[in-house]
Amino acid sequence: MGEENSHREVLLLKKKVYYEGCPGCLVEKRKQAQKGIPFKEFSLMWFVILGTALPISSLFPFLYFMIRDFHIAKKEEDIGYYAGFVGEPILPFTYVNLMVKYNILSEYRSVLCLFYPIFFQGSSFMFGRALTSYFWGVIADRYGRKPVVIFGLITIVVFNTLFGLSTSFWMAIATRFLLGSLNGILGPIRAYASEICRDEHQAMGLSLVSTAWGVGLIVGPSVGGFFAQPADKYPDIFSQDSLFGRFPYFLPCLCMSAFAALVAIVCIWLPETLHKHNGKEKEGCDEYEALEAPVCDVKEGINVKGPDSNESLFYNWPLMSSIIIYCVFSLHDMAYSEIFSLWAESPRKYGGLGYTTDDVGEVLSISGLGLLVFQAFLYPLAAKIFGLVMVSRISAVLALPLLASYPFIARLSGFRLSLLINCASMLKNIFYVSLITGLFVLQNNAVEQHQRGAANGISMTGQSLFKAFGPAGGGALFSWAQTRQHATFLPGNQIVFFILNVIAAIGFLMTFKPFLPQSLIK
């Protein structure tokens, strides 16, 4: 008799109940009928992320010249200083600012000024995004992922265009801040990636999010550099009296905005995944509850295990622990990105590679291509074989000796240097994206669907704040290392990559108990 009741309960739990007019139920029904990879939805999602990432990085090549043309700096040496104010509103007086301002390490002033535009990414945009990411996550949980995505793309169209038309220093700051604060796409789209596909394809969906973001941050600067100042570069096509002559940085922004507008139109056909039952609940445990909510007792209709769905997300330790680890590695990656460019551009006598900006761009492009191939084809297989947490741990461990080898790679030259630095850069990016993709899955699985947008919003807030500190810390660390070329302990750039490894090691240790709960370690 007991066995019959148990069997009956299992059958009831597996009963599929769909609500008429609910977009989430419609997606669930399609997922049950189609077991393959949803290529159409994944493709649309990929272009949404790409359209969001491109405007963030497209200004890197021309921001230095844009600040110069605003005539706010009295001396050329101060351009990087004012770019620092634009780029670091959270920490306006960073160590690097002071080094440029007060003529410390003067031989590196040109390098610091050249790469100071990169600090813009971790600044007004990131600060705006940090302030509103949780809000947009809540909106996505209440009204759906699709409205937030479309509104975010429209925000890119408007404010990225206005940024290209900026005529003053403060207009540039304001438009970038509004672009960051009103564009809440990334958190909800990460929730969307885990909801639009079956469980076995979650790793692929979230890896596509990471890959599209990485590709956008690599392609963006190429477009920005190629189309900026078109009247000077292509006088046969654009005259100085034309719109693009009077606004020399408008064309790359217009290209990004046009792409975002096209993606926004295509998103009309993007299916919504949020369940909207309008307060109408059928008896028993429906499929949505069985899949997205804690297991419930079919007779009493109460939760018998799992967290309270109404409990504050900040008390959900499985979620918060995975977010904290994600923030640590985000800080590490942002600092590494700044340091890699500065290190590659610095003279060889100071332990750098002596590369030009074109050389660095080529390395990053090759890294992006390798990352795209790995994440699309190899990461889902690795996650299936080893598990998400184990892949993250392996990636963190392998990154340690890789980073430690960078100062020694700098001693090479010619083809060997080119081959090894391209391989090292590609592997480093693959390790990082593989690591955070697993954390994305853990974060989404730690909450129910109706809290997933807000959970990703918290994650984006933490990541934005940590990334805002990354450029300042990375630049200051690199500049300090240049003053100790003949130190006994870890001279020159060796101390830089050692400290990066310390941060990575801390993040690695946090993937174990007791910090990461056993329920997430599979």
Protein backbone atom coordinates (compact mmCIF):
# COMPACT_ATOMS: atom_id res chain seq x y z
CA MET A 1 0.00 0.00 0.00
CA GLY A 2 2.84 2.36 0.91
CA GLU A 3 4.64 1.59 -2.33
CA GLU A 4 1.48 2.35 -4.33
CA ASN A 5 1.09 5.72 -2.65
CA SER A 6 4.74 6.55 -3.28
CA HIS A 7 4.40 5.57 -6.95
CA ARG A 8 1.22 7.63 -7.26
CA GLU A 9 2.97 10.68 -5.78
CA VAL A 10 5.83 10.35 -8.26
CA LEU A 11 3.34 10.20 -11.15
CA LEU A 12 1.56 13.27 -9.84
CA LEU A 13 4.87 15.15 -9.57
CA LYS A 14 5.63 14.29 -13.18
CA LYS A 15 2.24 15.42 -14.41
CA LYS A 16 2.65 18.18 -16.96
CA VAL A 17 0.27 21.09 -16.48
CA TYR A 18 0.44 24.15 -18.74
CA TYR A 19 -1.40 27.43 -18.32
CA GLU A 20 -3.15 28.87 -21.32
CA GLY A 21 -1.67 32.21 -22.41
CA CYS A 22 1.48 31.80 -20.29
CA PRO A 23 4.63 32.40 -22.37
CA GLY A 24 6.78 30.47 -19.91
CA CYS A 25 4.54 27.42 -20.15
CA LEU A 26 4.66 27.67 -23.93
CA VAL A 27 8.47 27.57 -23.81
CA GLU A 28 8.38 24.64 -21.37
CA LYS A 29 6.03 22.77 -23.69
CA ARG A 30 8.36 23.35 -26.62
CA LYS A 31 11.37 22.22 -24.57
CA GLN A 32 9.61 18.96 -23.72
CA ALA A 33 8.76 18.32 -27.37
CA GLN A 34 12.12 19.39 -28.84
CA LYS A 35 15.14 17.88 -27.13
CA GLY A 36 17.71 19.42 -29.46
CA ILE A 37 19.69 22.63 -29.09
CA PRO A 38 17.51 25.75 -29.67
CA PHE A 39 19.79 27.30 -32.27
CA LYS A 40 17.35 30.07 -33.22
CA GLU A 41 16.95 31.34 -29.67
CA PHE A 42 20.66 30.95 -28.93
CA SER A 43 21.50 32.97 -32.06
CA LEU A 44 19.15 35.80 -31.11
CA MET A 45 20.55 35.80 -27.58
CA TRP A 46 24.12 35.89 -28.94
CA PHE A 47 23.40 38.99 -31.04
CA VAL A 48 21.72 40.71 -28.09
CA ILE A 49 24.86 40.25 -25.98
CA LEU A 50 27.09 41.32 -28.86
CA GLY A 51 25.02 44.47 -29.37
CA THR A 52 25.35 45.24 -25.66
CA ALA A 53 29.11 44.65 -25.47
CA LEU A 54 30.18 46.57 -28.58
CA PRO A 55 29.43 50.11 -27.27
CA ILE A 56 31.29 49.42 -24.02
CA SER A 57 34.62 48.82 -25.70
CA SER A 58 34.35 50.74 -28.98
CA LEU A 59 35.59 53.98 -27.43
CA PHE A 60 38.93 52.56 -26.24
CA PRO A 61 40.96 53.65 -29.29
CA PHE A 62 39.63 57.20 -29.54
CA LEU A 63 38.75 58.39 -26.03
CA TYR A 64 42.20 59.90 -25.54
CA PHE A 65 41.70 62.06 -28.67
CA MET A 66 38.11 62.83 -27.73
CA ILE A 67 39.21 64.25 -24.38
CA ARG A 68 41.90 66.22 -26.18
CA ASP A 69 39.33 67.75 -28.53
CA PHE A 70 37.18 68.87 -25.60
CA HIS A 71 40.06 71.25 -24.71
CA ILE A 72 39.53 70.67 -21.01
CA ALA A 73 43.19 69.73 -20.46
CA LYS A 74 45.60 72.69 -20.31
CA LYS A 75 48.57 70.49 -21.25
CA GLU A 76 48.80 67.35 -23.34
CA GLU A 77 50.18 65.51 -20.34
CA ASP A 78 46.92 66.19 -18.49
CA ILE A 79 44.69 64.43 -21.03
CA GLY A 80 45.15 61.11 -19.25
CA TYR A 81 44.43 62.84 -15.96
CA TYR A 82 41.06 64.16 -17.16
CA ALA A 83 40.30 60.88 -18.86
CA GLY A 84 40.86 59.44 -15.40
CA PHE A 85 38.10 61.64 -14.00
CA VAL A 86 35.81 60.47 -16.76
CA GLY A 87 36.95 56.91 -16.27
CA GLU A 88 37.14 56.68 -12.48
CA PRO A 89 34.28 58.60 -10.83
CA ILE A 90 34.38 56.16 -7.92
CA LEU A 91 38.11 56.66 -7.32
CA PRO A 92 38.96 59.97 -9.04
CA PHE A 93 42.39 60.24 -7.42
CA THR A 94 43.95 56.92 -8.21
CA TYR A 95 47.63 56.26 -7.95
CA VAL A 96 47.98 56.31 -11.71
CA ASN A 97 46.28 59.71 -11.90
CA LEU A 98 48.81 61.11 -9.50
CA MET A 99 51.72 59.54 -11.37
CA VAL A 100 50.64 61.21 -14.59
CA LYS A 101 49.75 64.50 -12.93
CA TYR A 102 52.96 64.91 -10.93
CA ASN A 103 55.38 63.60 -13.53
CA ILE A 104 56.22 60.35 -11.73
CA LEU A 105 57.53 57.69 -14.12
CA SER A 106 57.59 60.24 -16.92
CA GLU A 107 58.97 57.71 -19.39
CA TYR A 108 55.65 55.87 -19.11
CA ARG A 109 53.40 58.89 -19.46
CA SER A 110 52.66 58.17 -23.11
CA VAL A 111 51.79 54.56 -22.36
CA LEU A 112 49.59 55.47 -19.41
CA CYS A 113 47.77 58.13 -21.40
CA LEU A 114 47.30 55.76 -24.31
CA PHE A 115 45.70 53.08 -22.19
CA TYR A 116 43.86 55.36 -19.82
CA PRO A 117 40.77 55.20 -22.06
CA ILE A 118 40.39 51.60 -20.97
CA PHE A 119 39.63 52.87 -17.47
CA PHE A 120 36.46 54.37 -18.94
CA GLN A 121 34.94 50.88 -19.09
CA GLY A 122 35.20 50.45 -15.33
CA SER A 123 33.87 53.90 -14.64
CA SER A 124 30.77 55.92 -15.41
CA PHE A 125 29.23 53.05 -17.37
CA MET A 126 30.09 50.46 -14.70
CA PHE A 127 29.10 52.81 -11.90
CA GLY A 128 25.72 53.40 -13.52
CA ARG A 129 25.26 49.69 -14.08
CA ALA A 130 26.18 48.92 -10.47
CA LEU A 131 23.48 51.30 -9.22
CA THR A 132 20.62 49.84 -11.26
CA SER A 133 21.40 46.19 -12.06
CA TYR A 134 19.33 44.87 -9.16
CA PHE A 135 16.41 47.13 -10.13
CA TRP A 136 16.42 45.82 -13.71
CA GLY A 137 16.60 42.27 -12.41
CA VAL A 138 13.47 42.83 -10.31
CA ILE A 139 11.71 44.37 -13.31
CA ALA A 140 12.66 41.32 -15.40
CA ASP A 141 11.22 39.01 -12.73
CA ARG A 142 7.97 40.96 -12.59
CA TYR A 143 7.31 41.89 -16.20
CA GLY A 144 9.52 39.55 -18.20
CA ARG A 145 13.01 39.28 -19.68
CA LYS A 146 12.00 40.42 -23.16
CA PRO A 147 10.80 43.97 -22.24
CA VAL A 148 14.04 44.65 -20.33
CA VAL A 149 16.13 43.39 -23.27
CA ILE A 150 14.30 45.53 -25.84
CA PHE A 151 14.38 48.63 -23.61
CA GLY A 152 18.10 48.13 -23.03
CA LEU A 153 18.77 47.95 -26.76
CA ILE A 154 16.75 51.14 -27.31
CA THR A 155 18.86 52.76 -24.58
CA ILE A 156 22.00 51.83 -26.53
CA VAL A 157 20.55 53.37 -29.69
CA VAL A 158 19.77 56.66 -27.95
CA PHE A 159 22.63 57.26 -25.53
CA ASN A 160 25.45 55.68 -27.52
CA THR A 161 24.45 57.95 -30.42
CA LEU A 162 24.43 60.97 -28.09
CA PHE A 163 27.86 59.97 -26.80
CA GLY A 164 29.20 60.15 -30.34
CA LEU A 165 27.70 63.64 -30.62
CA SER A 166 29.21 64.82 -27.33
CA THR A 167 30.54 68.36 -27.49
CA SER A 168 31.78 68.61 -23.92
CA PHE A 169 33.52 66.64 -21.23
CA TRP A 170 30.41 66.50 -19.04
CA MET A 171 28.11 65.44 -21.86
CA ALA A 172 30.38 62.44 -22.46
CA ILE A 173 30.25 61.50 -18.76
CA ALA A 174 26.46 61.91 -18.58
CA THR A 175 25.67 59.86 -21.67
CA ARG A 176 27.93 57.00 -20.60
CA PHE A 177 26.44 57.01 -17.10
CA LEU A 178 22.90 56.93 -18.49
CA LEU A 179 23.88 54.18 -20.90
CA GLY A 180 25.12 52.07 -18.00
CA SER A 181 22.25 52.79 -15.63
CA LEU A 182 19.39 52.36 -18.13
CA ASN A 183 20.77 49.30 -19.89
CA GLY A 184 19.91 46.31 -17.69
CA ILE A 185 20.28 43.59 -20.31
CA LEU A 186 23.13 41.44 -19.08
CA GLY A 187 21.57 40.13 -15.84
CA PRO A 188 18.19 39.14 -17.34
CA ILE A 189 19.79 37.65 -20.46
CA ARG A 190 21.87 35.35 -18.28
CA ALA A 191 18.67 34.19 -16.60
CA TYR A 192 17.11 33.83 -20.04
CA ALA A 193 19.98 31.66 -21.27
CA SER A 194 19.28 29.05 -18.62
CA GLU A 195 15.50 29.12 -19.17
CA ILE A 196 15.23 28.94 -22.96
CA CYS A 197 16.87 25.50 -23.20
CA ARG A 198 16.71 22.12 -21.52
CA ASP A 199 18.93 21.47 -18.51
CA GLU A 200 21.51 19.55 -20.54
CA HIS A 201 22.08 22.61 -22.75
CA GLN A 202 22.41 25.18 -19.94
CA ALA A 203 26.19 25.15 -20.01
CA MET A 204 26.21 25.85 -23.74
CA GLY A 205 23.68 28.67 -23.41
CA LEU A 206 25.61 30.46 -20.69
CA SER A 207 28.93 29.84 -22.43
CA LEU A 208 27.49 31.63 -25.47
CA VAL A 209 26.70 34.60 -23.24
CA SER A 210 30.31 34.73 -22.05
CA THR A 211 31.67 34.22 -25.56
CA ALA A 212 29.50 36.90 -27.16
CA TRP A 213 30.54 39.33 -24.44
CA GLY A 214 34.22 38.54 -24.97
CA VAL A 215 33.93 38.85 -28.75
CA GLY A 216 32.15 42.20 -28.38
CA LEU A 217 34.91 43.57 -26.16
CA ILE A 218 37.46 42.56 -28.81
CA VAL A 219 35.58 43.62 -31.96
CA GLY A 220 34.41 46.93 -30.46
CA PRO A 221 37.84 48.59 -30.31
CA SER A 222 38.56 47.52 -33.87
CA VAL A 223 35.41 49.22 -35.13
CA GLY A 224 36.06 52.28 -32.97
CA GLY A 225 39.61 52.67 -34.22
CA PHE A 226 38.73 52.11 -37.87
CA PHE A 227 35.77 54.53 -38.07
CA ALA A 228 36.87 57.28 -35.65
CA GLN A 229 37.95 60.59 -37.24
CA PRO A 230 36.79 59.53 -40.73
CA ALA A 231 37.32 62.99 -42.26
CA ASP A 232 41.03 62.77 -41.40
CA LYS A 233 41.47 59.14 -42.40
CA TYR A 234 39.25 59.06 -45.48
CA PRO A 235 39.10 62.62 -46.88
CA ASP A 236 37.93 61.36 -50.27
CA ILE A 237 34.75 60.02 -48.69
CA PHE A 238 34.08 62.37 -45.75
CA SER A 239 34.67 66.11 -45.89
CA GLN A 240 35.62 68.25 -42.90
CA ASP A 241 32.33 70.19 -43.27
CA SER A 242 30.18 67.06 -43.15
CA LEU A 243 28.43 65.74 -40.04
CA PHE A 244 31.21 63.21 -39.51
CA GLY A 245 33.82 65.94 -39.93
CA ARG A 246 32.23 68.14 -37.27
CA PHE A 247 31.68 65.15 -34.98
CA PRO A 248 34.75 62.97 -35.61
CA TYR A 249 33.72 60.23 -33.15
CA PHE A 250 30.11 59.93 -34.25
CA LEU A 251 30.53 57.33 -37.02
CA PRO A 252 31.68 54.38 -34.84
CA CYS A 253 28.93 55.17 -32.32
CA LEU A 254 26.38 55.37 -35.11
CA CYS A 255 27.47 51.96 -36.41
CA MET A 256 27.02 50.44 -32.93
CA SER A 257 23.64 52.11 -32.50
CA ALA A 258 22.44 50.93 -35.91
CA PHE A 259 23.41 47.36 -35.03
CA ALA A 260 21.59 47.63 -31.67
CA ALA A 261 18.48 49.00 -33.44
CA LEU A 262 18.48 46.06 -35.85
CA VAL A 263 18.83 43.58 -32.98
CA ALA A 264 15.97 45.32 -31.10
CA ILE A 265 13.70 44.83 -34.12
CA VAL A 266 14.66 41.16 -34.42
CA CYS A 267 13.97 40.70 -30.69
CA ILE A 268 10.28 41.09 -31.42
CA TRP A 269 10.43 37.37 -32.26
CA LEU A 270 12.36 36.52 -29.07
CA PRO A 271 10.15 34.20 -26.96
CA GLU A 272 9.46 35.19 -23.37
CA THR A 273 10.42 32.63 -20.72
CA LEU A 274 8.86 34.12 -17.57
CA HIS A 275 5.80 32.29 -16.29
CA LYS A 276 2.75 34.54 -16.07
CA HIS A 277 -0.18 32.70 -14.53
CA ASN A 278 -2.05 35.83 -13.42
CA GLY A 279 -2.70 34.37 -9.99
CA LYS A 280 -4.48 31.30 -11.37
CA GLU A 281 -3.01 28.15 -9.88
CA LYS A 282 -4.21 24.65 -10.68
CA GLU A 283 -4.48 21.95 -8.06
CA GLY A 284 -1.42 19.94 -7.17
CA CYS A 285 2.14 20.60 -8.28
CA ASP A 286 2.21 21.78 -11.88
CA GLU A 287 5.20 21.31 -14.13
CA TYR A 288 6.48 24.82 -13.52
CA GLU A 289 6.52 24.24 -9.80
CA ALA A 290 8.15 20.83 -10.16
CA LEU A 291 10.91 22.18 -12.39
CA GLU A 292 11.53 25.65 -11.02
CA ALA A 293 10.45 25.47 -7.37
CA PRO A 294 11.46 23.34 -4.39
CA VAL A 295 9.92 19.87 -4.20
CA CYS A 296 6.48 20.03 -2.62
CA ASP A 297 4.18 17.55 -0.97
CA VAL A 298 1.37 16.73 -3.42
CA LYS A 299 -1.15 16.03 -0.65
CA GLU A 300 -0.51 19.07 1.53
CA GLY A 301 0.85 21.45 -1.10
CA ILE A 302 3.68 22.68 1.14
CA ASN A 303 7.44 22.85 0.74
CA VAL A 304 9.30 20.00 2.34
CA LYS A 305 12.81 21.01 1.29
CA GLY A 306 14.65 23.86 -0.36
CA PRO A 307 14.80 27.56 0.52
CA ASP A 308 11.78 29.70 1.13
CA SER A 309 10.82 31.29 -2.17
CA ASN A 310 10.00 34.54 -0.39
CA GLU A 311 13.25 34.66 1.57
CA SER A 312 15.62 37.52 0.81
CA LEU A 313 18.20 36.62 -1.80
CA PHE A 314 20.90 38.01 0.47
CA TYR A 315 20.19 35.14 2.89
CA ASN A 316 20.55 32.57 0.11
CA TRP A 317 24.12 31.44 0.81
CA PRO A 318 24.46 29.15 -2.25
CA LEU A 319 23.67 32.19 -4.40
CA MET A 320 25.75 34.72 -2.48
CA SER A 321 28.79 32.47 -2.22
CA SER A 322 28.86 31.90 -5.99
CA ILE A 323 28.41 35.65 -6.58
CA ILE A 324 31.32 36.51 -4.25
CA ILE A 325 33.60 34.06 -6.06
CA TYR A 326 32.48 35.56 -9.36
CA CYS A 327 33.33 39.06 -8.10
CA VAL A 328 36.81 37.96 -7.03
CA PHE A 329 37.58 36.54 -10.46
CA SER A 330 36.03 39.58 -12.16
CA LEU A 331 38.43 41.82 -10.24
CA HIS A 332 41.28 39.53 -11.26
CA ASP A 333 40.30 39.57 -14.94
CA MET A 334 39.82 43.33 -15.11
CA ALA A 335 43.19 43.95 -13.48
CA TYR A 336 44.79 41.42 -15.82
CA SER A 337 43.26 43.11 -18.88
CA GLU A 338 44.74 46.46 -17.87
CA ILE A 339 48.12 44.99 -16.95
CA PHE A 340 48.42 42.89 -20.10
CA SER A 341 48.05 45.91 -22.39
CA LEU A 342 50.43 48.06 -20.37
CA TRP A 343 52.96 45.24 -20.09
CA ALA A 344 52.80 44.41 -23.80
CA GLU A 345 53.30 48.09 -24.75
CA SER A 346 56.08 48.85 -22.28
CA PRO A 347 59.74 48.84 -23.45
CA ARG A 348 61.65 45.57 -23.39
CA LYS A 349 64.29 47.05 -21.10
CA TYR A 350 61.60 47.23 -18.43
CA GLY A 351 60.42 43.66 -18.96
CA GLY A 352 57.70 44.44 -21.50
CA LEU A 353 57.20 43.19 -25.03
CA GLY A 354 57.70 46.48 -26.86
CA TYR A 355 54.51 45.86 -28.85
CA THR A 356 52.56 48.46 -30.80
CA THR A 357 48.81 48.92 -30.43
CA ASP A 358 48.36 46.96 -33.68
CA ASP A 359 50.35 44.07 -32.23
CA VAL A 360 48.20 44.03 -29.09
CA GLY A 361 45.04 44.18 -31.17
CA GLU A 362 46.22 41.20 -33.21
CA VAL A 363 46.88 39.15 -30.07
CA LEU A 364 43.43 39.98 -28.67
CA SER A 365 41.74 39.13 -31.97
CA ILE A 366 43.38 35.70 -32.10
CA SER A 367 42.38 35.15 -28.47
CA GLY A 368 38.79 36.02 -29.29
CA LEU A 369 38.67 33.55 -32.16
CA GLY A 370 40.09 30.75 -30.03
CA LEU A 371 37.67 31.57 -27.23
CA LEU A 372 34.70 31.43 -29.59
CA VAL A 373 35.66 27.99 -30.88
CA PHE A 374 36.36 26.56 -27.41
CA GLN A 375 33.20 27.84 -25.76
CA ALA A 376 30.94 26.79 -28.61
CA PHE A 377 32.22 23.24 -29.03
CA LEU A 378 34.51 22.12 -26.21
CA TYR A 379 33.24 23.74 -23.00
CA PRO A 380 29.83 21.97 -22.94
CA LEU A 381 31.63 18.64 -23.36
CA ALA A 382 34.11 19.44 -20.57
CA ALA A 383 31.30 20.52 -18.25
CA LYS A 384 29.42 17.29 -18.95
CA ILE A 385 32.45 15.11 -18.22
CA PHE A 386 33.97 16.89 -15.21
CA GLY A 387 31.08 18.96 -13.81
CA LEU A 388 30.74 22.74 -13.58
CA VAL A 389 32.63 23.29 -10.34
CA MET A 390 35.48 20.99 -11.33
CA VAL A 391 35.91 22.78 -14.67
CA SER A 392 36.08 26.08 -12.78
CA ARG A 393 38.69 24.69 -10.39
CA ILE A 394 40.79 23.22 -13.20
CA SER A 395 40.67 26.54 -15.06
CA ALA A 396 41.77 28.46 -11.96
CA VAL A 397 44.66 26.07 -11.25
CA LEU A 398 45.95 26.02 -14.83
CA ALA A 399 45.91 29.81 -14.96
CA LEU A 400 48.44 30.04 -12.11
CA PRO A 401 51.54 28.65 -13.89
CA LEU A 402 50.41 30.34 -17.09
CA LEU A 403 50.46 33.81 -15.53
CA ALA A 404 53.73 33.06 -13.73
CA SER A 405 55.35 32.37 -17.11
CA TYR A 406 54.56 35.81 -18.60
CA PRO A 407 57.74 37.58 -17.38
CA PHE A 408 59.83 34.76 -18.83
CA ILE A 409 57.97 34.84 -22.16
CA ALA A 410 59.04 38.49 -22.41
CA ARG A 411 62.66 37.35 -22.69
CA LEU A 412 61.94 35.69 -26.03
CA SER A 413 61.82 37.39 -29.39
CA GLY A 414 60.70 36.89 -32.96
CA PHE A 415 58.46 33.98 -33.91
CA ARG A 416 58.82 32.18 -30.56
CA LEU A 417 57.59 35.25 -28.69
CA SER A 418 54.67 35.75 -31.06
CA LEU A 419 53.64 32.09 -30.88
CA LEU A 420 53.85 31.79 -27.09
CA ILE A 421 52.18 35.09 -26.25
CA ASN A 422 49.27 34.32 -28.59
CA CYS A 423 48.86 30.86 -27.09
CA ALA A 424 49.15 32.21 -23.53
CA SER A 425 46.63 34.99 -24.12
CA MET A 426 44.18 32.58 -25.74
CA LEU A 427 44.50 30.07 -22.90
CA LYS A 428 44.10 32.76 -20.24
CA ASN A 429 40.85 33.99 -21.80
CA ILE A 430 39.57 30.43 -22.20
CA PHE A 431 40.32 29.64 -18.55
CA TYR A 432 38.57 32.78 -17.31
CA VAL A 433 35.42 32.37 -19.40
CA SER A 434 35.20 28.65 -18.57
CA LEU A 435 35.49 29.52 -14.90
CA ILE A 436 32.80 32.18 -14.81
CA THR A 437 30.41 30.22 -17.04
CA GLY A 438 30.23 27.54 -14.39
CA LEU A 439 29.53 30.21 -11.77
CA PHE A 440 26.72 31.60 -13.95
CA VAL A 441 25.03 28.20 -13.97
CA LEU A 442 25.44 27.84 -10.19
CA GLN A 443 23.89 31.28 -9.62
CA ASN A 444 20.88 30.54 -11.81
CA ASN A 445 20.31 27.13 -10.25
CA ALA A 446 20.52 28.52 -6.70
CA VAL A 447 17.19 30.38 -7.05
CA GLU A 448 13.73 29.87 -8.44
CA GLN A 449 12.75 31.42 -11.74
CA HIS A 450 10.76 34.30 -10.26
CA GLN A 451 13.94 35.44 -8.43
CA ARG A 452 16.45 34.71 -11.18
CA GLY A 453 16.47 38.18 -12.71
CA ALA A 454 17.04 39.84 -9.33
CA ALA A 455 19.75 37.29 -8.48
CA ASN A 456 21.62 38.10 -11.68
CA GLY A 457 21.08 41.78 -10.94
CA ILE A 458 22.88 41.38 -7.61
CA SER A 459 25.63 39.50 -9.42
CA MET A 460 26.00 42.31 -11.98
CA THR A 461 26.08 44.95 -9.24
CA GLY A 462 28.89 43.17 -7.42
CA GLN A 463 30.79 42.51 -10.63
CA SER A 464 30.49 46.15 -11.74
CA LEU A 465 31.80 47.45 -8.42
CA PHE A 466 34.73 45.05 -8.41
CA LYS A 467 35.52 45.81 -12.04
CA ALA A 468 35.44 49.53 -11.28
CA PHE A 469 38.37 48.98 -8.90
CA GLY A 470 40.20 46.67 -11.32
CA PRO A 471 41.66 49.28 -13.71
CA ALA A 472 42.88 51.55 -10.93
CA GLY A 473 44.43 48.68 -9.01
CA GLY A 474 45.97 47.10 -12.10
CA GLY A 475 47.45 50.35 -13.37
CA ALA A 476 48.82 51.31 -9.96
CA LEU A 477 50.32 47.84 -9.46
CA PHE A 478 52.01 47.91 -12.86
CA SER A 479 53.43 51.40 -12.32
CA TRP A 480 54.77 50.48 -8.89
CA ALA A 481 56.42 47.35 -10.29
CA GLN A 482 58.40 49.44 -12.78
CA THR A 483 60.20 51.17 -9.90
CA ARG A 484 61.61 47.90 -8.54
CA GLN A 485 63.38 46.45 -11.57
CA HIS A 486 66.36 45.38 -9.47
CA ALA A 487 64.56 44.23 -6.34
CA THR A 488 65.78 41.01 -4.72
CA PHE A 489 62.31 39.46 -4.33
CA LEU A 490 60.22 39.18 -7.51
CA PRO A 491 61.74 42.11 -9.41
CA GLY A 492 59.86 44.15 -11.98
CA ASN A 493 56.84 42.55 -13.62
CA GLN A 494 57.27 39.30 -11.71
CA ILE A 495 55.63 40.89 -8.68
CA VAL A 496 52.68 41.97 -10.85
CA PHE A 497 51.85 38.49 -12.06
CA PHE A 498 52.57 37.04 -8.61
CA ILE A 499 49.91 39.29 -7.04
CA LEU A 500 47.47 38.36 -9.82
CA ASN A 501 48.10 34.72 -8.97
CA VAL A 502 47.46 35.39 -5.28
CA ILE A 503 44.01 36.77 -6.15
CA ALA A 504 43.32 33.78 -8.41
CA ALA A 505 44.44 31.37 -5.68
CA ILE A 506 42.05 33.01 -3.19
CA GLY A 507 39.20 32.58 -5.65
CA PHE A 508 40.18 28.94 -6.20
CA LEU A 509 40.16 28.17 -2.47
CA MET A 510 36.70 29.72 -2.20
CA THR A 511 35.29 27.04 -4.52
CA PHE A 512 35.66 24.48 -1.71
CA LYS A 513 33.71 23.87 1.48
CA PRO A 514 32.86 25.50 3.75
CA PHE A 515 32.65 28.64 1.60
CA LEU A 516 30.88 27.05 -1.38
CA PRO A 517 28.02 24.89 -0.07
CA GLN A 518 28.02 21.16 -0.71
CA SER A 519 24.69 21.49 -2.57
CA LEU A 520 26.48 23.39 -5.37
CA ILE A 521 29.51 21.08 -5.61
CA LYS A 522 28.53 18.41 -8.10
